[in-house]
Amino acid sequence: MARLLKVLGLAAGSLAPALVFFAVPAPAAAPDAGEAVFKAQCASCHSVTARGGSAVGPRLSGVVGRRAGTQPGFAYSPAMKGSGVTWTPDQLKRFLASPAQSMRGNRMPYAGLRDPKKLDALVDWLGKQK
């Protein structure tokens, strides 16, 4: 330590306590923005578990690429079952922005997510839930 102080041109005792080095762990990765949106907007009715029963709404694991109204074990509205929609990212964005307008007669009681950044993050995150 004395040698380091001399190299730095500091007197012993002046800043020695400040030169103690600590191993600081790297900060934890920030949660995915889409996951945060899901937890705030969707998790009260939906889950992303691959197995188990549905909640108020159907499970959303594997939703991207799935035909609307086909999650086993969930009682969908006739509008959802008969829509013929396949949940692509763009289709999900349209639906989640305004469920009542994009698929009339569906029973999802959600006003919609209008923030494009949050919508993109949510749909991207849902696409990773298998």
N, C-alpha and C. Protein backbone atom coordinates (compact mmCIF):
# COMPACT_ATOMS: atom_id res chain seq x y z
N MET A 1 0.83 -1.18 0.00
CA MET A 1 0.00 0.00 0.00
C MET A 1 0.88 1.25 0.00
N ALA A 2 1.95 1.24 0.84
CA ALA A 2 2.85 2.39 0.91
C ALA A 2 3.49 2.64 -0.45
N ARG A 3 3.82 1.56 -1.15
CA ARG A 3 4.44 1.69 -2.47
C ARG A 3 3.45 2.31 -3.46
N LEU A 4 2.19 1.87 -3.40
CA LEU A 4 1.15 2.43 -4.27
C LEU A 4 0.96 3.91 -3.99
N LEU A 5 0.95 4.29 -2.72
CA LEU A 5 0.81 5.71 -2.38
C LEU A 5 1.97 6.53 -2.92
N LYS A 6 3.18 5.96 -2.82
CA LYS A 6 4.36 6.66 -3.33
C LYS A 6 4.27 6.84 -4.84
N VAL A 7 3.83 5.78 -5.54
CA VAL A 7 3.68 5.86 -7.00
C VAL A 7 2.66 6.92 -7.37
N LEU A 8 1.58 7.00 -6.59
CA LEU A 8 0.54 7.99 -6.87
C LEU A 8 0.88 9.38 -6.36
N GLY A 9 1.99 9.48 -5.63
CA GLY A 9 2.40 10.79 -5.11
C GLY A 9 1.58 11.23 -3.93
N LEU A 10 1.11 10.28 -3.13
CA LEU A 10 0.29 10.61 -1.97
C LEU A 10 1.06 10.31 -0.69
N ALA A 11 0.82 11.08 0.33
CA ALA A 11 1.45 10.84 1.62
C ALA A 11 0.73 9.70 2.32
N ALA A 12 1.48 8.89 3.03
CA ALA A 12 0.88 7.78 3.77
C ALA A 12 -0.13 8.34 4.76
N GLY A 13 -1.28 7.73 4.84
CA GLY A 13 -2.31 8.16 5.78
C GLY A 13 -3.27 9.17 5.22
N SER A 14 -2.93 9.85 4.12
CA SER A 14 -3.83 10.88 3.60
C SER A 14 -5.08 10.29 2.95
N LEU A 15 -4.88 9.44 1.97
CA LEU A 15 -6.03 8.84 1.28
C LEU A 15 -6.00 7.32 1.32
N ALA A 16 -5.19 6.78 2.18
CA ALA A 16 -5.06 5.33 2.23
C ALA A 16 -6.40 4.63 2.39
N PRO A 17 -7.28 5.08 3.29
CA PRO A 17 -8.57 4.38 3.40
C PRO A 17 -9.39 4.42 2.10
N ALA A 18 -9.20 5.44 1.30
CA ALA A 18 -9.97 5.56 0.06
C ALA A 18 -9.44 4.63 -1.02
N LEU A 19 -8.26 4.09 -0.83
CA LEU A 19 -7.66 3.25 -1.85
C LEU A 19 -7.89 1.76 -1.61
N VAL A 20 -8.73 1.44 -0.67
CA VAL A 20 -9.07 0.04 -0.45
C VAL A 20 -10.02 -0.38 -1.55
N PHE A 21 -9.71 -1.46 -2.22
CA PHE A 21 -10.51 -1.91 -3.35
C PHE A 21 -11.45 -3.02 -2.91
N PHE A 22 -12.67 -2.92 -3.32
CA PHE A 22 -13.67 -3.92 -2.99
C PHE A 22 -14.13 -4.61 -4.26
N ALA A 23 -14.41 -5.88 -4.15
CA ALA A 23 -15.01 -6.60 -5.27
C ALA A 23 -16.51 -6.34 -5.22
N VAL A 24 -17.00 -5.61 -6.18
CA VAL A 24 -18.41 -5.28 -6.24
C VAL A 24 -19.05 -6.14 -7.32
N PRO A 25 -20.09 -6.89 -6.95
CA PRO A 25 -20.72 -7.73 -7.98
C PRO A 25 -21.37 -6.86 -9.05
N ALA A 26 -21.41 -7.38 -10.24
CA ALA A 26 -22.07 -6.67 -11.34
C ALA A 26 -23.55 -6.55 -11.02
N PRO A 27 -24.17 -5.45 -11.41
CA PRO A 27 -25.60 -5.31 -11.13
C PRO A 27 -26.39 -6.39 -11.85
N ALA A 28 -27.47 -6.79 -11.22
CA ALA A 28 -28.34 -7.81 -11.84
C ALA A 28 -28.92 -7.24 -13.13
N ALA A 29 -29.12 -8.10 -14.09
CA ALA A 29 -29.69 -7.66 -15.36
C ALA A 29 -31.09 -7.10 -15.12
N ALA A 30 -31.38 -6.04 -15.80
CA ALA A 30 -32.72 -5.45 -15.68
C ALA A 30 -33.74 -6.43 -16.25
N PRO A 31 -34.91 -6.51 -15.62
CA PRO A 31 -35.91 -7.42 -16.19
C PRO A 31 -36.30 -6.97 -17.59
N ASP A 32 -36.65 -7.92 -18.40
CA ASP A 32 -37.08 -7.63 -19.76
C ASP A 32 -38.26 -6.66 -19.71
N ALA A 33 -38.23 -5.65 -20.57
CA ALA A 33 -39.30 -4.65 -20.58
C ALA A 33 -40.65 -5.29 -20.87
N GLY A 34 -40.67 -6.29 -21.75
CA GLY A 34 -41.91 -6.98 -22.06
C GLY A 34 -42.45 -7.75 -20.89
N GLU A 35 -41.56 -8.34 -20.12
CA GLU A 35 -41.99 -9.07 -18.92
C GLU A 35 -42.61 -8.10 -17.91
N ALA A 36 -42.01 -6.92 -17.79
CA ALA A 36 -42.56 -5.91 -16.88
C ALA A 36 -43.96 -5.49 -17.32
N VAL A 37 -44.16 -5.31 -18.61
CA VAL A 37 -45.49 -4.96 -19.13
C VAL A 37 -46.46 -6.10 -18.85
N PHE A 38 -46.02 -7.33 -19.10
CA PHE A 38 -46.89 -8.49 -18.84
C PHE A 38 -47.33 -8.51 -17.38
N LYS A 39 -46.38 -8.35 -16.48
CA LYS A 39 -46.70 -8.39 -15.05
C LYS A 39 -47.67 -7.29 -14.65
N ALA A 40 -47.50 -6.11 -15.24
CA ALA A 40 -48.35 -4.97 -14.89
C ALA A 40 -49.72 -5.01 -15.56
N GLN A 41 -49.78 -5.53 -16.80
CA GLN A 41 -51.01 -5.43 -17.58
C GLN A 41 -51.76 -6.75 -17.78
N CYS A 42 -51.07 -7.88 -17.72
CA CYS A 42 -51.67 -9.14 -18.17
C CYS A 42 -51.73 -10.23 -17.11
N ALA A 43 -50.78 -10.23 -16.18
CA ALA A 43 -50.61 -11.36 -15.26
C ALA A 43 -51.79 -11.58 -14.32
N SER A 44 -52.63 -10.60 -14.13
CA SER A 44 -53.78 -10.81 -13.25
C SER A 44 -54.79 -11.78 -13.88
N CYS A 45 -54.76 -11.92 -15.20
CA CYS A 45 -55.70 -12.82 -15.88
C CYS A 45 -55.01 -13.95 -16.64
N HIS A 46 -53.77 -13.77 -17.05
CA HIS A 46 -53.08 -14.75 -17.90
C HIS A 46 -51.81 -15.25 -17.23
N SER A 47 -51.37 -16.43 -17.64
CA SER A 47 -50.06 -16.94 -17.24
C SER A 47 -49.29 -17.31 -18.50
N VAL A 48 -48.01 -17.57 -18.32
CA VAL A 48 -47.20 -18.03 -19.44
C VAL A 48 -46.59 -19.40 -19.13
N THR A 49 -47.21 -20.10 -18.21
CA THR A 49 -46.75 -21.45 -17.93
C THR A 49 -47.17 -22.35 -19.08
N ALA A 50 -46.35 -23.34 -19.35
CA ALA A 50 -46.63 -24.25 -20.47
C ALA A 50 -47.68 -25.28 -20.10
N ARG A 51 -47.87 -25.54 -18.81
CA ARG A 51 -48.82 -26.56 -18.38
C ARG A 51 -49.72 -26.01 -17.28
N GLY A 52 -50.76 -26.74 -17.02
CA GLY A 52 -51.68 -26.33 -15.98
C GLY A 52 -52.93 -25.72 -16.57
N GLY A 53 -53.84 -25.44 -15.70
CA GLY A 53 -55.11 -24.88 -16.16
C GLY A 53 -55.00 -23.41 -16.50
N SER A 54 -56.02 -22.93 -17.13
CA SER A 54 -56.08 -21.52 -17.48
C SER A 54 -56.58 -20.74 -16.29
N ALA A 55 -56.32 -19.47 -16.28
CA ALA A 55 -56.82 -18.58 -15.24
C ALA A 55 -58.09 -17.93 -15.78
N VAL A 56 -58.26 -16.66 -15.52
CA VAL A 56 -59.41 -15.92 -16.08
C VAL A 56 -59.30 -15.91 -17.59
N GLY A 57 -58.07 -15.76 -18.09
CA GLY A 57 -57.80 -15.80 -19.52
C GLY A 57 -56.95 -17.02 -19.83
N PRO A 58 -56.79 -17.34 -21.09
CA PRO A 58 -55.99 -18.52 -21.47
C PRO A 58 -54.50 -18.31 -21.19
N ARG A 59 -53.78 -19.42 -21.08
CA ARG A 59 -52.32 -19.37 -20.95
C ARG A 59 -51.75 -18.80 -22.24
N LEU A 60 -50.70 -18.03 -22.12
CA LEU A 60 -50.14 -17.37 -23.30
C LEU A 60 -48.79 -17.93 -23.72
N SER A 61 -48.36 -19.03 -23.11
CA SER A 61 -47.13 -19.66 -23.59
C SER A 61 -47.39 -20.21 -24.99
N GLY A 62 -46.51 -19.93 -25.90
CA GLY A 62 -46.67 -20.40 -27.27
C GLY A 62 -47.75 -19.71 -28.06
N VAL A 63 -48.19 -18.54 -27.62
CA VAL A 63 -49.29 -17.86 -28.31
C VAL A 63 -48.90 -17.40 -29.72
N VAL A 64 -47.66 -16.95 -29.90
CA VAL A 64 -47.25 -16.50 -31.23
C VAL A 64 -47.18 -17.72 -32.16
N GLY A 65 -47.95 -17.66 -33.23
CA GLY A 65 -48.03 -18.75 -34.18
C GLY A 65 -49.23 -19.67 -33.97
N ARG A 66 -49.95 -19.48 -32.87
CA ARG A 66 -51.11 -20.33 -32.57
C ARG A 66 -52.37 -19.70 -33.14
N ARG A 67 -53.32 -20.53 -33.56
CA ARG A 67 -54.62 -20.02 -34.01
C ARG A 67 -55.39 -19.51 -32.81
N ALA A 68 -56.06 -18.41 -32.97
CA ALA A 68 -56.88 -17.83 -31.90
C ALA A 68 -57.99 -18.81 -31.51
N GLY A 69 -58.25 -18.86 -30.22
CA GLY A 69 -59.36 -19.67 -29.73
C GLY A 69 -59.08 -21.16 -29.68
N THR A 70 -57.81 -21.56 -29.65
CA THR A 70 -57.51 -23.00 -29.70
C THR A 70 -56.73 -23.52 -28.49
N GLN A 71 -56.45 -22.70 -27.49
CA GLN A 71 -55.73 -23.18 -26.30
C GLN A 71 -56.63 -24.19 -25.59
N PRO A 72 -56.20 -25.45 -25.48
CA PRO A 72 -57.03 -26.46 -24.83
C PRO A 72 -57.40 -26.07 -23.40
N GLY A 73 -58.63 -26.37 -23.02
CA GLY A 73 -59.07 -26.14 -21.65
C GLY A 73 -59.59 -24.75 -21.36
N PHE A 74 -59.74 -23.91 -22.37
CA PHE A 74 -60.27 -22.57 -22.13
C PHE A 74 -61.54 -22.38 -22.94
N ALA A 75 -62.55 -21.79 -22.32
CA ALA A 75 -63.84 -21.55 -22.98
C ALA A 75 -63.81 -20.19 -23.68
N TYR A 76 -63.46 -20.19 -24.95
CA TYR A 76 -63.37 -18.96 -25.73
C TYR A 76 -64.75 -18.49 -26.19
N SER A 77 -64.83 -17.21 -26.50
CA SER A 77 -66.04 -16.65 -27.08
C SER A 77 -66.18 -17.18 -28.51
N PRO A 78 -67.41 -17.24 -29.02
CA PRO A 78 -67.60 -17.64 -30.42
C PRO A 78 -66.81 -16.74 -31.38
N ALA A 79 -66.71 -15.46 -31.04
CA ALA A 79 -65.97 -14.53 -31.91
C ALA A 79 -64.50 -14.93 -32.00
N MET A 80 -63.90 -15.31 -30.89
CA MET A 80 -62.49 -15.70 -30.88
C MET A 80 -62.31 -17.03 -31.60
N LYS A 81 -63.15 -18.00 -31.28
CA LYS A 81 -63.03 -19.32 -31.91
C LYS A 81 -63.24 -19.26 -33.41
N GLY A 82 -64.14 -18.42 -33.85
CA GLY A 82 -64.46 -18.35 -35.27
C GLY A 82 -63.71 -17.30 -36.05
N SER A 83 -62.74 -16.66 -35.42
CA SER A 83 -62.05 -15.54 -36.07
C SER A 83 -61.14 -15.98 -37.22
N GLY A 84 -60.59 -17.18 -37.14
CA GLY A 84 -59.65 -17.62 -38.16
C GLY A 84 -58.29 -16.94 -38.06
N VAL A 85 -58.06 -16.18 -36.99
CA VAL A 85 -56.82 -15.44 -36.80
C VAL A 85 -55.72 -16.38 -36.31
N THR A 86 -54.53 -16.20 -36.86
CA THR A 86 -53.33 -16.82 -36.31
C THR A 86 -52.54 -15.69 -35.67
N TRP A 87 -52.10 -15.91 -34.44
CA TRP A 87 -51.44 -14.85 -33.68
C TRP A 87 -50.01 -14.62 -34.15
N THR A 88 -49.87 -13.79 -35.16
CA THR A 88 -48.55 -13.29 -35.57
C THR A 88 -48.23 -12.10 -34.68
N PRO A 89 -46.99 -11.66 -34.63
CA PRO A 89 -46.69 -10.47 -33.85
C PRO A 89 -47.54 -9.26 -34.25
N ASP A 90 -47.71 -9.02 -35.54
CA ASP A 90 -48.53 -7.88 -35.97
C ASP A 90 -49.99 -8.04 -35.57
N GLN A 91 -50.52 -9.25 -35.70
CA GLN A 91 -51.91 -9.49 -35.32
C GLN A 91 -52.09 -9.29 -33.81
N LEU A 92 -51.15 -9.77 -33.02
CA LEU A 92 -51.23 -9.57 -31.58
C LEU A 92 -51.18 -8.09 -31.22
N LYS A 93 -50.33 -7.33 -31.88
CA LYS A 93 -50.24 -5.89 -31.61
C LYS A 93 -51.56 -5.20 -31.91
N ARG A 94 -52.17 -5.54 -33.04
CA ARG A 94 -53.46 -4.93 -33.38
C ARG A 94 -54.51 -5.29 -32.33
N PHE A 95 -54.54 -6.55 -31.95
CA PHE A 95 -55.54 -7.00 -30.98
C PHE A 95 -55.31 -6.35 -29.62
N LEU A 96 -54.07 -6.37 -29.13
CA LEU A 96 -53.80 -5.85 -27.80
C LEU A 96 -53.91 -4.33 -27.70
N ALA A 97 -53.78 -3.64 -28.82
CA ALA A 97 -53.96 -2.19 -28.83
C ALA A 97 -55.42 -1.83 -28.60
N SER A 98 -56.33 -2.67 -29.07
CA SER A 98 -57.77 -2.40 -28.92
C SER A 98 -58.56 -3.68 -29.14
N PRO A 99 -58.64 -4.53 -28.11
CA PRO A 99 -59.32 -5.82 -28.28
C PRO A 99 -60.77 -5.72 -28.76
N ALA A 100 -61.51 -4.77 -28.21
CA ALA A 100 -62.93 -4.65 -28.58
C ALA A 100 -63.12 -4.23 -30.03
N GLN A 101 -62.22 -3.40 -30.53
CA GLN A 101 -62.35 -2.92 -31.90
C GLN A 101 -61.78 -3.91 -32.91
N SER A 102 -60.69 -4.58 -32.56
CA SER A 102 -60.05 -5.44 -33.54
C SER A 102 -60.73 -6.80 -33.69
N MET A 103 -61.47 -7.23 -32.66
CA MET A 103 -62.21 -8.49 -32.76
C MET A 103 -63.52 -8.34 -31.99
N ARG A 104 -64.49 -7.82 -32.69
CA ARG A 104 -65.79 -7.57 -32.05
C ARG A 104 -66.40 -8.88 -31.55
N GLY A 105 -66.93 -8.80 -30.32
CA GLY A 105 -67.58 -9.96 -29.72
C GLY A 105 -66.67 -10.81 -28.87
N ASN A 106 -65.37 -10.49 -28.80
CA ASN A 106 -64.51 -11.25 -27.90
C ASN A 106 -64.82 -10.83 -26.46
N ARG A 107 -64.45 -11.65 -25.50
CA ARG A 107 -64.82 -11.37 -24.11
C ARG A 107 -63.68 -10.85 -23.25
N MET A 108 -62.58 -10.44 -23.85
CA MET A 108 -61.47 -9.94 -23.04
C MET A 108 -61.78 -8.53 -22.55
N PRO A 109 -61.95 -8.36 -21.23
CA PRO A 109 -62.31 -7.04 -20.71
C PRO A 109 -61.08 -6.16 -20.48
N TYR A 110 -60.45 -5.77 -21.55
CA TYR A 110 -59.22 -4.98 -21.47
C TYR A 110 -59.33 -3.84 -22.47
N ALA A 111 -59.09 -2.63 -22.01
CA ALA A 111 -59.25 -1.45 -22.87
C ALA A 111 -58.21 -1.37 -23.98
N GLY A 112 -57.04 -1.91 -23.73
CA GLY A 112 -56.00 -1.89 -24.75
C GLY A 112 -54.72 -1.25 -24.28
N LEU A 113 -53.64 -1.60 -24.92
CA LEU A 113 -52.32 -1.06 -24.63
C LEU A 113 -51.94 -0.19 -25.81
N ARG A 114 -51.89 1.10 -25.60
CA ARG A 114 -51.71 2.01 -26.72
C ARG A 114 -50.27 2.51 -26.89
N ASP A 115 -49.43 2.30 -25.89
CA ASP A 115 -48.03 2.74 -25.98
C ASP A 115 -47.28 1.80 -26.92
N PRO A 116 -46.85 2.28 -28.10
CA PRO A 116 -46.21 1.39 -29.08
C PRO A 116 -44.95 0.70 -28.55
N LYS A 117 -44.15 1.38 -27.74
CA LYS A 117 -42.93 0.77 -27.21
C LYS A 117 -43.27 -0.38 -26.27
N LYS A 118 -44.25 -0.17 -25.40
CA LYS A 118 -44.66 -1.22 -24.48
C LYS A 118 -45.31 -2.38 -25.24
N LEU A 119 -46.08 -2.05 -26.23
CA LEU A 119 -46.73 -3.07 -27.05
C LEU A 119 -45.69 -3.93 -27.78
N ASP A 120 -44.70 -3.28 -28.38
CA ASP A 120 -43.63 -4.02 -29.06
C ASP A 120 -42.88 -4.91 -28.08
N ALA A 121 -42.55 -4.36 -26.90
CA ALA A 121 -41.80 -5.12 -25.89
C ALA A 121 -42.62 -6.32 -25.42
N LEU A 122 -43.90 -6.12 -25.18
CA LEU A 122 -44.77 -7.21 -24.71
C LEU A 122 -44.86 -8.32 -25.74
N VAL A 123 -45.13 -7.98 -26.98
CA VAL A 123 -45.29 -8.99 -28.02
C VAL A 123 -43.97 -9.71 -28.28
N ASP A 124 -42.86 -8.99 -28.24
CA ASP A 124 -41.56 -9.62 -28.40
C ASP A 124 -41.33 -10.63 -27.25
N TRP A 125 -41.63 -10.24 -26.05
CA TRP A 125 -41.44 -11.12 -24.88
C TRP A 125 -42.38 -12.33 -24.97
N LEU A 126 -43.63 -12.10 -25.36
CA LEU A 126 -44.57 -13.22 -25.50
C LEU A 126 -44.07 -14.23 -26.53
N GLY A 127 -43.42 -13.73 -27.57
CA GLY A 127 -42.89 -14.63 -28.60
C GLY A 127 -41.79 -15.55 -28.08
N LYS A 128 -41.20 -15.21 -26.97
CA LYS A 128 -40.14 -16.04 -26.37
C LYS A 128 -40.68 -17.04 -25.35
N GLN A 129 -41.96 -16.93 -25.03
CA GLN A 129 -42.55 -17.81 -24.02
C GLN A 129 -43.08 -19.07 -24.69
N LYS A 130 -42.38 -20.14 -24.54
CA LYS A 130 -42.74 -21.40 -25.21
C LYS A 130 -43.40 -22.32 -24.28
